[in-house]
């Protein structure tokens, strides 16, 4: 009986190991093949993508939106057999999943991501997994990343300062200064400064690139402005040159390549 129990536990452990392995898919195009590892900690997107891929949902669709130094986007069923020049890429409301936006994934080159409708019509940030995009981006310098942080953070600090350092407090400090009440002036000024800093540090919209993000964006490149806004559910593990080829294609006024780039998605592991 004990031996049977050990065998069962061993078989269960093998099953758990196989379940924990990241799935790998290939996206074949007429310009080459890319391979992607799908993340286990975005299971809703991973499972939905695998299901659609196994059904052949993406096969025959196009990379219909291509922007150099930004992204390549495809998979929409409306792109299948679309005549030249037709504007395409509408999503499928039947294939949406809840967001799985995780801070430890960012939009470095090769990130496999799910598009979605804007916040005003999609406040819960649900993804449209009937299509996908792959980040091309560009390489940034440390100075450029610093500038991006400042562009986001300065308005946030300014707004917080206006909310805490009110006209009434300014007038009170002005009066204390005129009366030369140094201790009272310093006490209020220090409290205001502390409150501003505390509110700033707690604000979720403050942008501060991690060391890992800075390393990625200054080496392989990417598009950091998208971080925290869309779900990233996989990464490219081979075929980066194909991303470059597609991103470099000449496009029309709707960012559709003049030369069709067809898609076929296969499950590898």
C-alpha atoms as a PDB file:
ATOM      1  CA  UNK A   1       0.000   0.000   0.000  1.00  0.00           C
ATOM      2  CA  UNK A   2       2.826   2.369   0.899  1.00  0.00           C
ATOM      3  CA  UNK A   3       4.582   1.611  -2.401  1.00  0.00           C
ATOM      4  CA  UNK A   4       1.369   2.344  -4.352  1.00  0.00           C
ATOM      5  CA  UNK A   5       1.007   5.682  -2.569  1.00  0.00           C
ATOM      6  CA  UNK A   6       4.578   6.633  -3.457  1.00  0.00           C
ATOM      7  CA  UNK A   7       3.960   5.777  -7.125  1.00  0.00           C
ATOM      8  CA  UNK A   8       0.823   7.940  -7.192  1.00  0.00           C
ATOM      9  CA  UNK A   9       2.658  10.846  -5.581  1.00  0.00           C
ATOM     10  CA  UNK A  10       5.487  10.484  -8.098  1.00  0.00           C
ATOM     11  CA  UNK A  11       3.069  10.545 -11.035  1.00  0.00           C
ATOM     12  CA  UNK A  12       1.327  13.605  -9.598  1.00  0.00           C
ATOM     13  CA  UNK A  13       4.654  15.371  -9.229  1.00  0.00           C
ATOM     14  CA  UNK A  14       5.449  14.682 -12.891  1.00  0.00           C
ATOM     15  CA  UNK A  15       2.058  16.116 -13.853  1.00  0.00           C
ATOM     16  CA  UNK A  16       2.675  19.242 -11.790  1.00  0.00           C
ATOM     17  CA  UNK A  17       6.097  19.743 -13.365  1.00  0.00           C
ATOM     18  CA  UNK A  18       4.642  19.462 -16.846  1.00  0.00           C
ATOM     19  CA  UNK A  19       1.896  21.915 -15.901  1.00  0.00           C
ATOM     20  CA  UNK A  20       4.487  24.381 -14.635  1.00  0.00           C
ATOM     21  CA  UNK A  21       6.477  24.383 -17.888  1.00  0.00           C
ATOM     22  CA  UNK A  22       5.981  27.452 -20.045  1.00  0.00           C
ATOM     23  CA  UNK A  23       4.257  26.732 -23.348  1.00  0.00           C
ATOM     24  CA  UNK A  24       6.032  27.587 -26.582  1.00  0.00           C
ATOM     25  CA  UNK A  25       4.327  28.615 -29.802  1.00  0.00           C
ATOM     26  CA  UNK A  26       5.625  29.554 -33.219  1.00  0.00           C
ATOM     27  CA  UNK A  27       4.197  32.291 -35.383  1.00  0.00           C
ATOM     28  CA  UNK A  28       5.031  31.488 -38.988  1.00  0.00           C
ATOM     29  CA  UNK A  29       4.866  34.182 -41.645  1.00  0.00           C
ATOM     30  CA  UNK A  30       5.885  34.506 -45.285  1.00  0.00           C
ATOM     31  CA  UNK A  31       8.839  36.574 -44.006  1.00  0.00           C
ATOM     32  CA  UNK A  32      10.063  34.015 -41.464  1.00  0.00           C
ATOM     33  CA  UNK A  33       9.198  32.274 -38.210  1.00  0.00           C
ATOM     34  CA  UNK A  34       9.201  33.549 -34.633  1.00  0.00           C
ATOM     35  CA  UNK A  35       8.963  31.487 -31.447  1.00  0.00           C
ATOM     36  CA  UNK A  36       7.382  32.717 -28.227  1.00  0.00           C
ATOM     37  CA  UNK A  37       7.304  31.487 -24.667  1.00  0.00           C
ATOM     38  CA  UNK A  38       3.898  31.995 -23.008  1.00  0.00           C
ATOM     39  CA  UNK A  39       3.918  32.979 -19.339  1.00  0.00           C
ATOM     40  CA  UNK A  40       2.305  30.758 -16.710  1.00  0.00           C
ATOM     41  CA  UNK A  41       1.380  33.682 -14.471  1.00  0.00           C
ATOM     42  CA  UNK A  42      -0.931  35.086 -17.155  1.00  0.00           C
ATOM     43  CA  UNK A  43      -3.050  31.899 -17.415  1.00  0.00           C
ATOM     44  CA  UNK A  44      -6.216  33.534 -18.803  1.00  0.00           C
ATOM     45  CA  UNK A  45      -4.351  34.962 -21.772  1.00  0.00           C
ATOM     46  CA  UNK A  46      -2.116  31.916 -22.210  1.00  0.00           C
ATOM     47  CA  UNK A  47      -5.036  29.475 -22.218  1.00  0.00           C
ATOM     48  CA  UNK A  48      -7.226  31.631 -24.471  1.00  0.00           C
ATOM     49  CA  UNK A  49      -4.376  32.121 -26.943  1.00  0.00           C
ATOM     50  CA  UNK A  50      -3.570  28.393 -26.989  1.00  0.00           C
ATOM     51  CA  UNK A  51      -7.249  27.499 -27.483  1.00  0.00           C
ATOM     52  CA  UNK A  52      -7.665  29.846 -30.431  1.00  0.00           C
ATOM     53  CA  UNK A  53      -4.343  28.766 -31.926  1.00  0.00           C
ATOM     54  CA  UNK A  54      -5.247  25.070 -31.664  1.00  0.00           C
ATOM     55  CA  UNK A  55      -8.525  25.840 -33.455  1.00  0.00           C
ATOM     56  CA  UNK A  56      -6.655  27.562 -36.288  1.00  0.00           C
ATOM     57  CA  UNK A  57      -8.297  30.883 -35.456  1.00  0.00           C
ATOM     58  CA  UNK A  58      -5.227  32.971 -36.325  1.00  0.00           C
ATOM     59  CA  UNK A  59      -4.198  31.002 -39.416  1.00  0.00           C
ATOM     60  CA  UNK A  60      -4.540  32.991 -42.611  1.00  0.00           C
ATOM     61  CA  UNK A  61      -4.850  36.325 -40.811  1.00  0.00           C
ATOM     62  CA  UNK A  62      -2.433  39.201 -41.389  1.00  0.00           C
ATOM     63  CA  UNK A  63      -0.111  41.535 -39.582  1.00  0.00           C
ATOM     64  CA  UNK A  64      -2.360  44.444 -40.482  1.00  0.00           C
ATOM     65  CA  UNK A  65      -0.925  47.244 -38.304  1.00  0.00           C
ATOM     66  CA  UNK A  66       2.805  47.847 -38.571  1.00  0.00           C
ATOM     67  CA  UNK A  67       4.630  50.875 -37.157  1.00  0.00           C
ATOM     68  CA  UNK A  68       8.415  51.046 -37.213  1.00  0.00           C
ATOM     69  CA  UNK A  69       9.967  51.624 -33.753  1.00  0.00           C
ATOM     70  CA  UNK A  70       6.607  50.731 -32.158  1.00  0.00           C
ATOM     71  CA  UNK A  71       4.871  47.414 -32.847  1.00  0.00           C
ATOM     72  CA  UNK A  72       3.500  44.868 -35.294  1.00  0.00           C
ATOM     73  CA  UNK A  73      -0.112  43.809 -34.710  1.00  0.00           C
ATOM     74  CA  UNK A  74      -2.143  41.001 -36.234  1.00  0.00           C
ATOM     75  CA  UNK A  75      -4.474  38.053 -35.761  1.00  0.00           C
ATOM     76  CA  UNK A  76      -7.806  39.794 -36.283  1.00  0.00           C
ATOM     77  CA  UNK A  77     -10.262  37.638 -38.228  1.00  0.00           C
ATOM     78  CA  UNK A  78     -11.303  40.671 -40.277  1.00  0.00           C
ATOM     79  CA  UNK A  79      -7.829  40.617 -41.861  1.00  0.00           C
ATOM     80  CA  UNK A  80      -8.303  37.156 -43.369  1.00  0.00           C
ATOM     81  CA  UNK A  81      -8.596  37.448 -47.173  1.00  0.00           C
ATOM     82  CA  UNK A  82      -8.914  41.222 -46.868  1.00  0.00           C
ATOM     83  CA  UNK A  83      -8.461  42.921 -50.266  1.00  0.00           C
ATOM     84  CA  UNK A  84      -5.549  45.339 -50.705  1.00  0.00           C
ATOM     85  CA  UNK A  85      -6.142  48.778 -49.221  1.00  0.00           C
ATOM     86  CA  UNK A  86      -9.049  47.713 -47.003  1.00  0.00           C
ATOM     87  CA  UNK A  87      -8.936  49.069 -43.468  1.00  0.00           C
ATOM     88  CA  UNK A  88      -8.946  46.075 -41.138  1.00  0.00           C
ATOM     89  CA  UNK A  89      -8.247  45.002 -37.585  1.00  0.00           C
ATOM     90  CA  UNK A  90     -11.540  45.163 -35.766  1.00  0.00           C
ATOM     91  CA  UNK A  91     -11.624  43.117 -32.581  1.00  0.00           C
ATOM     92  CA  UNK A  92     -13.924  40.289 -31.596  1.00  0.00           C
ATOM     93  CA  UNK A  93     -16.035  40.977 -28.458  1.00  0.00           C
ATOM     94  CA  UNK A  94     -16.574  37.222 -28.048  1.00  0.00           C
ATOM     95  CA  UNK A  95     -12.902  36.711 -27.237  1.00  0.00           C
ATOM     96  CA  UNK A  96     -12.127  39.058 -24.374  1.00  0.00           C
ATOM     97  CA  UNK A  97     -10.400  38.102 -21.114  1.00  0.00           C
ATOM     98  CA  UNK A  98      -9.810  39.941 -17.847  1.00  0.00           C
ATOM     99  CA  UNK A  99      -6.565  41.871 -17.664  1.00  0.00           C
ATOM    100  CA  UNK A 100      -3.445  40.259 -16.182  1.00  0.00           C
ATOM    101  CA  UNK A 101      -1.217  43.329 -16.107  1.00  0.00           C
ATOM    102  CA  UNK A 102       1.848  42.435 -14.035  1.00  0.00           C
ATOM    103  CA  UNK A 103       4.559  44.901 -13.032  1.00  0.00           C
ATOM    104  CA  UNK A 104       7.434  42.483 -13.601  1.00  0.00           C
ATOM    105  CA  UNK A 105       6.675  42.296 -17.325  1.00  0.00           C
ATOM    106  CA  UNK A 106       7.414  45.284 -19.515  1.00  0.00           C
ATOM    107  CA  UNK A 107       7.278  46.224 -23.170  1.00  0.00           C
ATOM    108  CA  UNK A 108      10.786  45.303 -24.233  1.00  0.00           C
ATOM    109  CA  UNK A 109      11.404  44.236 -27.826  1.00  0.00           C
ATOM    110  CA  UNK A 110       9.746  40.883 -28.551  1.00  0.00           C
ATOM    111  CA  UNK A 111       7.052  41.136 -25.862  1.00  0.00           C
ATOM    112  CA  UNK A 112       3.845  39.337 -26.911  1.00  0.00           C
ATOM    113  CA  UNK A 113       0.860  41.391 -25.779  1.00  0.00           C
ATOM    114  CA  UNK A 114      -2.916  41.682 -25.979  1.00  0.00           C
ATOM    115  CA  UNK A 115      -4.567  44.850 -27.321  1.00  0.00           C
ATOM    116  CA  UNK A 116      -7.771  46.248 -25.844  1.00  0.00           C
ATOM    117  CA  UNK A 117     -10.364  48.957 -26.223  1.00  0.00           C
ATOM    118  CA  UNK A 118      -9.671  52.397 -24.618  1.00  0.00           C
ATOM    119  CA  UNK A 119     -10.426  53.036 -20.930  1.00  0.00           C
ATOM    120  CA  UNK A 120     -13.487  55.180 -21.653  1.00  0.00           C
ATOM    121  CA  UNK A 121     -15.300  52.179 -23.155  1.00  0.00           C
ATOM    122  CA  UNK A 122     -13.347  49.487 -21.328  1.00  0.00           C
ATOM    123  CA  UNK A 123     -12.707  50.631 -17.724  1.00  0.00           C
ATOM    124  CA  UNK A 124     -11.767  47.117 -16.565  1.00  0.00           C
ATOM    125  CA  UNK A 125      -9.015  46.884 -19.213  1.00  0.00           C
ATOM    126  CA  UNK A 126     -10.273  43.594 -20.658  1.00  0.00           C
ATOM    127  CA  UNK A 127      -8.022  42.274 -23.417  1.00  0.00           C
ATOM    128  CA  UNK A 128      -9.076  41.313 -26.918  1.00  0.00           C
ATOM    129  CA  UNK A 129      -7.244  38.013 -27.317  1.00  0.00           C
ATOM    130  CA  UNK A 130      -8.638  37.531 -30.851  1.00  0.00           C
ATOM    131  CA  UNK A 131      -5.593  39.555 -31.916  1.00  0.00           C
ATOM    132  CA  UNK A 132      -2.139  40.300 -30.539  1.00  0.00           C
ATOM    133  CA  UNK A 133       0.787  42.643 -30.929  1.00  0.00           C
ATOM    134  CA  UNK A 134       4.536  42.215 -30.735  1.00  0.00           C
ATOM    135  CA  UNK A 135       6.741  45.059 -29.549  1.00  0.00           C
ATOM    136  CA  UNK A 136       9.416  46.404 -31.897  1.00  0.00           C
ATOM    137  CA  UNK A 137      10.238  49.659 -30.095  1.00  0.00           C
ATOM    138  CA  UNK A 138      13.652  51.282 -30.073  1.00  0.00           C
ATOM    139  CA  UNK A 139      16.766  51.479 -27.907  1.00  0.00           C
ATOM    140  CA  UNK A 140      16.771  54.315 -25.350  1.00  0.00           C
ATOM    141  CA  UNK A 141      19.571  56.100 -23.554  1.00  0.00           C
ATOM    142  CA  UNK A 142      19.579  56.540 -19.780  1.00  0.00           C
ATOM    143  CA  UNK A 143      18.939  60.239 -20.352  1.00  0.00           C
ATOM    144  CA  UNK A 144      15.870  59.538 -22.454  1.00  0.00           C
ATOM    145  CA  UNK A 145      14.459  57.291 -19.742  1.00  0.00           C
ATOM    146  CA  UNK A 146      15.095  60.035 -17.171  1.00  0.00           C
ATOM    147  CA  UNK A 147      13.209  62.471 -19.409  1.00  0.00           C
ATOM    148  CA  UNK A 148      10.266  60.066 -19.691  1.00  0.00           C
ATOM    149  CA  UNK A 149      10.096  59.786 -15.898  1.00  0.00           C
ATOM    150  CA  UNK A 150      10.161  63.553 -15.463  1.00  0.00           C
ATOM    151  CA  UNK A 151       7.490  64.094 -18.121  1.00  0.00           C
ATOM    152  CA  UNK A 152       5.128  61.820 -16.204  1.00  0.00           C
ATOM    153  CA  UNK A 153       6.090  62.729 -12.645  1.00  0.00           C
ATOM    154  CA  UNK A 154       6.320  66.520 -12.737  1.00  0.00           C
ATOM    155  CA  UNK A 155       2.581  67.056 -13.391  1.00  0.00           C
ATOM    156  CA  UNK A 156       1.771  64.563 -10.623  1.00  0.00           C
ATOM    157  CA  UNK A 157       3.949  66.394  -8.086  1.00  0.00           C
ATOM    158  CA  UNK A 158       2.576  69.766  -9.205  1.00  0.00           C
ATOM    159  CA  UNK A 159      -1.019  68.628  -8.703  1.00  0.00           C
ATOM    160  CA  UNK A 160      -0.264  67.175  -5.264  1.00  0.00           C
ATOM    161  CA  UNK A 161       1.530  70.366  -4.244  1.00  0.00           C
ATOM    162  CA  UNK A 162      -1.472  72.467  -5.276  1.00  0.00           C
ATOM    163  CA  UNK A 163      -3.809  70.250  -3.260  1.00  0.00           C
ATOM    164  CA  UNK A 164      -1.714  70.388  -0.073  1.00  0.00           C
ATOM    165  CA  UNK A 165       0.021  73.761  -0.248  1.00  0.00           C
ATOM    166  CA  UNK A 166      -3.208  75.738  -0.431  1.00  0.00           C
ATOM    167  CA  UNK A 167      -3.607  79.535  -0.652  1.00  0.00           C
ATOM    168  CA  UNK A 168      -4.716  79.509   2.991  1.00  0.00           C
ATOM    169  CA  UNK A 169      -1.490  77.826   4.097  1.00  0.00           C
ATOM    170  CA  UNK A 170       0.593  80.166   1.952  1.00  0.00           C
ATOM    171  CA  UNK A 171      -1.089  83.145   3.588  1.00  0.00           C
ATOM    172  CA  UNK A 172      -0.531  81.668   7.041  1.00  0.00           C
ATOM    173  CA  UNK A 173       3.178  81.152   6.328  1.00  0.00           C
ATOM    174  CA  UNK A 174       3.441  84.677   4.942  1.00  0.00           C
ATOM    175  CA  UNK A 175       1.955  86.055   8.150  1.00  0.00           C
ATOM    176  CA  UNK A 176       4.237  83.993  10.380  1.00  0.00           C
ATOM    177  CA  UNK A 177       7.240  85.150   8.392  1.00  0.00           C
ATOM    178  CA  UNK A 178       6.182  88.772   8.768  1.00  0.00           C
ATOM    179  CA  UNK A 179       5.783  88.285  12.515  1.00  0.00           C
ATOM    180  CA  UNK A 180       9.163  86.518  12.630  1.00  0.00           C
ATOM    181  CA  UNK A 181       7.675  83.436  14.268  1.00  0.00           C
ATOM    182  CA  UNK A 182      10.428  81.167  13.016  1.00  0.00           C
ATOM    183  CA  UNK A 183       9.565  77.989  14.923  1.00  0.00           C
ATOM    184  CA  UNK A 184       5.887  78.068  13.933  1.00  0.00           C
ATOM    185  CA  UNK A 185       6.839  78.813  10.318  1.00  0.00           C
ATOM    186  CA  UNK A 186       9.274  75.903  10.165  1.00  0.00           C
ATOM    187  CA  UNK A 187       6.822  73.480  11.778  1.00  0.00           C
ATOM    188  CA  UNK A 188       4.105  74.178   9.210  1.00  0.00           C
ATOM    189  CA  UNK A 189       6.547  74.257   6.278  1.00  0.00           C
ATOM    190  CA  UNK A 190       8.056  70.916   7.285  1.00  0.00           C
ATOM    191  CA  UNK A 191       4.607  69.353   7.699  1.00  0.00           C
ATOM    192  CA  UNK A 192       3.539  70.544   4.245  1.00  0.00           C
ATOM    193  CA  UNK A 193       6.754  69.258   2.687  1.00  0.00           C
ATOM    194  CA  UNK A 194       6.347  65.888   4.393  1.00  0.00           C
ATOM    195  CA  UNK A 195       2.686  65.571   3.343  1.00  0.00           C
ATOM    196  CA  UNK A 196       3.537  66.375  -0.280  1.00  0.00           C
ATOM    197  CA  UNK A 197       6.343  63.827  -0.376  1.00  0.00           C
ATOM    198  CA  UNK A 198       4.202  61.154   1.285  1.00  0.00           C
ATOM    199  CA  UNK A 199       1.322  61.658  -1.175  1.00  0.00           C
ATOM    200  CA  UNK A 200       3.760  61.613  -4.091  1.00  0.00           C
ATOM    201  CA  UNK A 201       5.393  58.354  -2.996  1.00  0.00           C
ATOM    202  CA  UNK A 202       1.976  56.696  -2.573  1.00  0.00           C
ATOM    203  CA  UNK A 203       0.662  57.819  -5.963  1.00  0.00           C
ATOM    204  CA  UNK A 204       0.353  54.717  -8.200  1.00  0.00           C
ATOM    205  CA  UNK A 205       0.883  56.732 -11.383  1.00  0.00           C
ATOM    206  CA  UNK A 206       4.418  57.831 -10.518  1.00  0.00           C
ATOM    207  CA  UNK A 207       6.847  56.413 -13.084  1.00  0.00           C
ATOM    208  CA  UNK A 208      10.127  54.962 -11.895  1.00  0.00           C
ATOM    209  CA  UNK A 209      11.940  52.506 -14.129  1.00  0.00           C
ATOM    210  CA  UNK A 210      13.419  49.523 -12.340  1.00  0.00           C
ATOM    211  CA  UNK A 211      17.018  48.467 -12.896  1.00  0.00           C
ATOM    212  CA  UNK A 212      15.800  45.564 -15.030  1.00  0.00           C
ATOM    213  CA  UNK A 213      13.645  47.860 -17.159  1.00  0.00           C
ATOM    214  CA  UNK A 214      16.513  50.280 -17.695  1.00  0.00           C
ATOM    215  CA  UNK A 215      18.803  47.443 -18.736  1.00  0.00           C
ATOM    216  CA  UNK A 216      16.243  46.109 -21.219  1.00  0.00           C
ATOM    217  CA  UNK A 217      15.317  49.456 -22.725  1.00  0.00           C
ATOM    218  CA  UNK A 218      18.947  50.566 -23.118  1.00  0.00           C
ATOM    219  CA  UNK A 219      20.067  47.280 -24.724  1.00  0.00           C
ATOM    220  CA  UNK A 220      17.390  45.344 -26.668  1.00  0.00           C
ATOM    221  CA  UNK A 221      14.993  48.300 -26.632  1.00  0.00           C
ATOM    222  CA  UNK A 222      11.224  48.450 -26.440  1.00  0.00           C
ATOM    223  CA  UNK A 223       8.345  50.859 -25.857  1.00  0.00           C
ATOM    224  CA  UNK A 224       8.105  51.820 -22.157  1.00  0.00           C
ATOM    225  CA  UNK A 225       5.106  54.136 -22.582  1.00  0.00           C
ATOM    226  CA  UNK A 226       2.852  51.051 -22.785  1.00  0.00           C
ATOM    227  CA  UNK A 227       3.988  49.576 -19.443  1.00  0.00           C
ATOM    228  CA  UNK A 228       1.174  49.010 -16.969  1.00  0.00           C
ATOM    229  CA  UNK A 229      -1.502  49.610 -19.599  1.00  0.00           C
ATOM    230  CA  UNK A 230      -1.709  46.308 -21.472  1.00  0.00           C
ATOM    231  CA  UNK A 231      -1.263  42.632 -20.618  1.00  0.00           C
ATOM    232  CA  UNK A 232       2.028  41.020 -21.664  1.00  0.00           C
ATOM    233  CA  UNK A 233       1.610  37.243 -21.830  1.00  0.00           C
ATOM    234  CA  UNK A 234       4.751  36.033 -23.581  1.00  0.00           C
ATOM    235  CA  UNK A 235       8.161  36.845 -25.015  1.00  0.00           C
ATOM    236  CA  UNK A 236      10.057  36.151 -28.229  1.00  0.00           C
ATOM    237  CA  UNK A 237      12.785  33.525 -27.841  1.00  0.00           C
ATOM    238  CA  UNK A 238      13.831  33.341 -31.491  1.00  0.00           C
ATOM    239  CA  UNK A 239      13.115  35.186 -34.721  1.00  0.00           C
ATOM    240  CA  UNK A 240      13.843  38.772 -33.660  1.00  0.00           C
ATOM    241  CA  UNK A 241      15.057  39.448 -37.199  1.00  0.00           C
ATOM    242  CA  UNK A 242      11.550  38.642 -38.459  1.00  0.00           C
ATOM    243  CA  UNK A 243      10.100  41.340 -36.205  1.00  0.00           C
ATOM    244  CA  UNK A 244      12.579  43.763 -37.769  1.00  0.00           C
ATOM    245  CA  UNK A 245      11.644  42.699 -41.318  1.00  0.00           C
ATOM    246  CA  UNK A 246       7.929  43.152 -40.728  1.00  0.00           C
ATOM    247  CA  UNK A 247       8.335  46.443 -38.886  1.00  0.00           C
ATOM    248  CA  UNK A 248      10.396  47.861 -41.762  1.00  0.00           C
ATOM    249  CA  UNK A 249       7.730  47.209 -44.422  1.00  0.00           C
ATOM    250  CA  UNK A 250       6.232  50.081 -46.374  1.00  0.00           C
ATOM    251  CA  UNK A 251       2.661  50.754 -45.247  1.00  0.00           C
ATOM    252  CA  UNK A 252      -0.431  52.684 -46.367  1.00  0.00           C
ATOM    253  CA  UNK A 253      -2.192  55.516 -44.491  1.00  0.00           C
ATOM    254  CA  UNK A 254      -3.771  52.949 -42.121  1.00  0.00           C
ATOM    255  CA  UNK A 255      -0.372  51.407 -41.238  1.00  0.00           C
ATOM    256  CA  UNK A 256      -1.227  48.252 -43.171  1.00  0.00           C
ATOM    257  CA  UNK A 257       1.768  46.799 -45.049  1.00  0.00           C
ATOM    258  CA  UNK A 258       1.533  47.106 -48.812  1.00  0.00           C
ATOM    259  CA  UNK A 259       2.828  43.536 -48.927  1.00  0.00           C
ATOM    260  CA  UNK A 260       0.589  41.121 -46.998  1.00  0.00           C
ATOM    261  CA  UNK A 261       2.263  39.296 -44.106  1.00  0.00           C
ATOM    262  CA  UNK A 262       0.308  36.098 -43.435  1.00  0.00           C
ATOM    263  CA  UNK A 263       0.137  34.346 -40.066  1.00  0.00           C
ATOM    264  CA  UNK A 264       0.064  30.722 -38.952  1.00  0.00           C
ATOM    265  CA  UNK A 265       0.283  29.864 -35.241  1.00  0.00           C
ATOM    266  CA  UNK A 266       1.449  26.420 -34.107  1.00  0.00           C
ATOM    267  CA  UNK A 267       1.874  24.920 -30.641  1.00  0.00           C
ATOM    268  CA  UNK A 268       5.406  23.578 -30.169  1.00  0.00           C
ATOM    269  CA  UNK A 269       5.520  22.543 -26.500  1.00  0.00           C
END
